[in-house]
Structure formats: structure tokens, C-alpha cells
């Protein structure tokens, strides 16, 4: 019984995460970003959203929390996670032969669920 409950919770969390990433992509577009790619994966890690804001290439992490029981969404952005995102960004730059562009690391945080959800953009987060 607990196996099924754990599986159900994992599936709900995956769906919540996918929904949060889609909302974050819309949020970025509404704020002048051009979304180039979502869920870029490599051995080094994953980048939730790769976008451009003007002449700047932006690697964006999405952090979402339904409740504050595990802390705020921003508290989920750890130094270890930042290192993985930077390593994945290096891979992205090499794979796509990107040169001569400024790059930046942003974080979109989403705290809460439904209409009361608070969304924030932290530019140059790390």
C-alpha cells in the first residue's frame, strides 16, 4: 500500500514540476524573453529553460513549492544545484558552438499553488 502511495506522490510531483516549468516559460515570454529550449539534458545535469533576453543568453532554473513545509522555492536553489547548472550550461555552449554572447543564470521561483501562487524572477541569481 505504501508503495502505491509513494508512486502516486511521485507522479503528482512530476506533474506539478512540469506544470511549473510551463508556467515559468510563459512568464519569461511575457517578460520579454525568447524561450529557445526547455529541459536541456546532458551528463552534467539539466537546464530547465534556455532563453534569450536581448543579446544575453539566459540559463534559467525553475523552483516551485506548493507549501512552505520544505522551505521556500528559493531555498531549493542550493550551491550544488548551481554547480550542476553551470556545468550543463558549459556543455550547451560547446554543443551549440555559442561564442561571443553574454550569458546569465536566472531563477524563476513559484511559491504556493493555484491562484494564490507567487512568481518571482531573480536575474543573475548565481
C-alpha atoms as a PDB file:
ATOM      1  CA  UNK A   1       0.000   0.000   0.000  1.00  0.00           C
ATOM      2  CA  UNK A   2       2.754   2.471   0.861  1.00  0.00           C
ATOM      3  CA  UNK A   3       4.472   1.684  -2.473  1.00  0.00           C
ATOM      4  CA  UNK A   4       1.363   2.799  -4.368  1.00  0.00           C
ATOM      5  CA  UNK A   5       1.030   5.918  -2.230  1.00  0.00           C
ATOM      6  CA  UNK A   6       4.701   6.787  -2.872  1.00  0.00           C
ATOM      7  CA  UNK A   7       4.254   6.196  -6.591  1.00  0.00           C
ATOM      8  CA  UNK A   8       1.159   8.404  -6.636  1.00  0.00           C
ATOM      9  CA  UNK A   9       3.048  11.181  -4.786  1.00  0.00           C
ATOM     10  CA  UNK A  10       5.982  10.952  -7.210  1.00  0.00           C
ATOM     11  CA  UNK A  11       3.662  11.176 -10.212  1.00  0.00           C
ATOM     12  CA  UNK A  12       1.866  14.180  -8.696  1.00  0.00           C
ATOM     13  CA  UNK A  13       5.207  15.881  -8.019  1.00  0.00           C
ATOM     14  CA  UNK A  14       6.363  15.253 -11.594  1.00  0.00           C
ATOM     15  CA  UNK A  15       3.126  16.723 -12.956  1.00  0.00           C
ATOM     16  CA  UNK A  16       3.466  19.743 -10.653  1.00  0.00           C
ATOM     17  CA  UNK A  17       7.056  20.280 -11.800  1.00  0.00           C
ATOM     18  CA  UNK A  18       6.134  20.051 -15.488  1.00  0.00           C
ATOM     19  CA  UNK A  19       3.286  22.498 -14.959  1.00  0.00           C
ATOM     20  CA  UNK A  20       5.586  24.908 -13.084  1.00  0.00           C
ATOM     21  CA  UNK A  21       8.149  24.808 -15.897  1.00  0.00           C
ATOM     22  CA  UNK A  22       5.455  25.533 -18.500  1.00  0.00           C
ATOM     23  CA  UNK A  23       4.161  28.438 -16.379  1.00  0.00           C
ATOM     24  CA  UNK A  24       7.716  29.753 -15.971  1.00  0.00           C
ATOM     25  CA  UNK A  25       8.276  29.648 -19.749  1.00  0.00           C
ATOM     26  CA  UNK A  26       5.080  31.681 -20.276  1.00  0.00           C
ATOM     27  CA  UNK A  27       6.146  34.074 -17.509  1.00  0.00           C
ATOM     28  CA  UNK A  28       9.525  34.613 -19.175  1.00  0.00           C
ATOM     29  CA  UNK A  29       7.912  35.179 -22.595  1.00  0.00           C
ATOM     30  CA  UNK A  30       5.554  37.737 -21.035  1.00  0.00           C
ATOM     31  CA  UNK A  31       8.636  39.485 -19.614  1.00  0.00           C
ATOM     32  CA  UNK A  32      10.425  39.828 -22.948  1.00  0.00           C
ATOM     33  CA  UNK A  33      12.453  36.618 -23.077  1.00  0.00           C
ATOM     34  CA  UNK A  34      12.590  34.400 -26.155  1.00  0.00           C
ATOM     35  CA  UNK A  35      12.493  30.777 -24.972  1.00  0.00           C
ATOM     36  CA  UNK A  36      14.880  28.707 -27.107  1.00  0.00           C
ATOM     37  CA  UNK A  37      14.731  25.339 -25.401  1.00  0.00           C
ATOM     38  CA  UNK A  38      13.277  23.607 -22.364  1.00  0.00           C
ATOM     39  CA  UNK A  39      14.606  20.681 -20.359  1.00  0.00           C
ATOM     40  CA  UNK A  40      18.070  20.567 -21.892  1.00  0.00           C
ATOM     41  CA  UNK A  41      19.729  17.434 -20.524  1.00  0.00           C
ATOM     42  CA  UNK A  42      23.299  16.174 -20.639  1.00  0.00           C
ATOM     43  CA  UNK A  43      25.547  14.088 -18.419  1.00  0.00           C
ATOM     44  CA  UNK A  44      26.450  17.165 -16.377  1.00  0.00           C
ATOM     45  CA  UNK A  45      22.849  17.962 -15.439  1.00  0.00           C
ATOM     46  CA  UNK A  46      19.712  19.667 -16.673  1.00  0.00           C
ATOM     47  CA  UNK A  47      18.740  23.213 -17.567  1.00  0.00           C
ATOM     48  CA  UNK A  48      15.033  23.906 -17.217  1.00  0.00           C
ATOM     49  CA  UNK A  49      14.880  26.795 -19.709  1.00  0.00           C
ATOM     50  CA  UNK A  50      17.371  28.253 -22.170  1.00  0.00           C
ATOM     51  CA  UNK A  51      16.266  31.682 -23.362  1.00  0.00           C
ATOM     52  CA  UNK A  52      17.470  34.972 -24.750  1.00  0.00           C
ATOM     53  CA  UNK A  53      16.838  38.379 -23.332  1.00  0.00           C
ATOM     54  CA  UNK A  54      18.133  40.804 -25.920  1.00  0.00           C
ATOM     55  CA  UNK A  55      21.745  39.855 -26.631  1.00  0.00           C
ATOM     56  CA  UNK A  56      22.089  37.784 -23.434  1.00  0.00           C
ATOM     57  CA  UNK A  57      21.771  34.001 -23.377  1.00  0.00           C
ATOM     58  CA  UNK A  58      19.974  33.034 -20.171  1.00  0.00           C
ATOM     59  CA  UNK A  59      20.059  29.668 -18.425  1.00  0.00           C
ATOM     60  CA  UNK A  60      17.045  29.566 -16.153  1.00  0.00           C
ATOM     61  CA  UNK A  61      16.255  27.243 -13.267  1.00  0.00           C
ATOM     62  CA  UNK A  62      12.648  26.852 -12.125  1.00  0.00           C
ATOM     63  CA  UNK A  63      11.980  26.198  -8.445  1.00  0.00           C
ATOM     64  CA  UNK A  64       8.429  25.620  -7.248  1.00  0.00           C
ATOM     65  CA  UNK A  65       6.910  24.713  -3.908  1.00  0.00           C
ATOM     66  CA  UNK A  66       3.231  24.041  -3.195  1.00  0.00           C
ATOM     67  CA  UNK A  67       3.714  24.685   0.505  1.00  0.00           C
ATOM     68  CA  UNK A  68       6.434  26.048   2.751  1.00  0.00           C
ATOM     69  CA  UNK A  69       6.839  22.766   4.657  1.00  0.00           C
ATOM     70  CA  UNK A  70      10.219  22.193   2.976  1.00  0.00           C
ATOM     71  CA  UNK A  71      11.099  25.885   2.818  1.00  0.00           C
ATOM     72  CA  UNK A  72      10.565  28.435   0.083  1.00  0.00           C
ATOM     73  CA  UNK A  73      11.199  27.741  -3.581  1.00  0.00           C
ATOM     74  CA  UNK A  74      14.331  29.882  -3.473  1.00  0.00           C
ATOM     75  CA  UNK A  75      15.707  27.805  -0.596  1.00  0.00           C
ATOM     76  CA  UNK A  76      15.674  24.851  -3.002  1.00  0.00           C
ATOM     77  CA  UNK A  77      18.362  26.568  -5.080  1.00  0.00           C
ATOM     78  CA  UNK A  78      21.477  25.108  -3.480  1.00  0.00           C
ATOM     79  CA  UNK A  79      25.149  25.725  -4.331  1.00  0.00           C
ATOM     80  CA  UNK A  80      25.350  22.112  -5.554  1.00  0.00           C
ATOM     81  CA  UNK A  81      22.427  22.706  -7.930  1.00  0.00           C
ATOM     82  CA  UNK A  82      24.055  25.909  -9.210  1.00  0.00           C
ATOM     83  CA  UNK A  83      27.276  23.987  -9.958  1.00  0.00           C
ATOM     84  CA  UNK A  84      25.353  21.353 -11.938  1.00  0.00           C
ATOM     85  CA  UNK A  85      23.517  24.017 -13.932  1.00  0.00           C
ATOM     86  CA  UNK A  86      26.797  25.798 -14.720  1.00  0.00           C
ATOM     87  CA  UNK A  87      28.336  22.514 -15.902  1.00  0.00           C
ATOM     88  CA  UNK A  88      25.292  21.798 -18.081  1.00  0.00           C
ATOM     89  CA  UNK A  89      25.482  25.350 -19.463  1.00  0.00           C
ATOM     90  CA  UNK A  90      29.129  24.791 -20.444  1.00  0.00           C
ATOM     91  CA  UNK A  91      28.055  21.645 -22.272  1.00  0.00           C
ATOM     92  CA  UNK A  92      25.244  23.554 -24.004  1.00  0.00           C
ATOM     93  CA  UNK A  93      27.624  26.306 -25.131  1.00  0.00           C
ATOM     94  CA  UNK A  94      30.116  23.805 -26.554  1.00  0.00           C
ATOM     95  CA  UNK A  95      27.480  21.609 -28.214  1.00  0.00           C
ATOM     96  CA  UNK A  96      25.789  24.597 -29.864  1.00  0.00           C
ATOM     97  CA  UNK A  97      29.109  26.331 -30.657  1.00  0.00           C
ATOM     98  CA  UNK A  98      27.979  29.507 -28.903  1.00  0.00           C
ATOM     99  CA  UNK A  99      30.595  32.245 -28.742  1.00  0.00           C
ATOM    100  CA  UNK A 100      30.564  35.981 -28.269  1.00  0.00           C
ATOM    101  CA  UNK A 101      27.343  36.141 -26.236  1.00  0.00           C
ATOM    102  CA  UNK A 102      26.998  37.297 -22.680  1.00  0.00           C
ATOM    103  CA  UNK A 103      25.404  34.634 -20.500  1.00  0.00           C
ATOM    104  CA  UNK A 104      23.444  34.841 -17.282  1.00  0.00           C
ATOM    105  CA  UNK A 105      21.855  32.460 -14.793  1.00  0.00           C
ATOM    106  CA  UNK A 106      18.325  33.346 -13.670  1.00  0.00           C
ATOM    107  CA  UNK A 107      15.916  31.593 -11.322  1.00  0.00           C
ATOM    108  CA  UNK A 108      12.125  31.669 -11.502  1.00  0.00           C
ATOM    109  CA  UNK A 109      10.545  30.848  -8.145  1.00  0.00           C
ATOM    110  CA  UNK A 110       6.945  29.838  -7.574  1.00  0.00           C
ATOM    111  CA  UNK A 111       5.584  29.598  -4.065  1.00  0.00           C
ATOM    112  CA  UNK A 112       2.090  28.216  -3.473  1.00  0.00           C
ATOM    113  CA  UNK A 113      -0.380  26.587  -5.794  1.00  0.00           C
ATOM    114  CA  UNK A 114      -3.362  27.856  -7.734  1.00  0.00           C
ATOM    115  CA  UNK A 115      -4.482  31.487  -7.856  1.00  0.00           C
ATOM    116  CA  UNK A 116      -2.513  32.442  -4.724  1.00  0.00           C
ATOM    117  CA  UNK A 117       0.798  31.355  -6.279  1.00  0.00           C
ATOM    118  CA  UNK A 118       3.575  33.951  -6.113  1.00  0.00           C
ATOM    119  CA  UNK A 119       6.026  34.001  -9.021  1.00  0.00           C
ATOM    120  CA  UNK A 120       9.329  35.879  -8.927  1.00  0.00           C
ATOM    121  CA  UNK A 121      12.247  36.279 -11.296  1.00  0.00           C
ATOM    122  CA  UNK A 122      15.756  36.551  -9.904  1.00  0.00           C
ATOM    123  CA  UNK A 123      18.111  37.801 -12.601  1.00  0.00           C
ATOM    124  CA  UNK A 124      21.784  36.918 -12.345  1.00  0.00           C
ATOM    125  CA  UNK A 125      20.995  34.639  -9.399  1.00  0.00           C
ATOM    126  CA  UNK A 126      24.389  32.927  -9.325  1.00  0.00           C
END
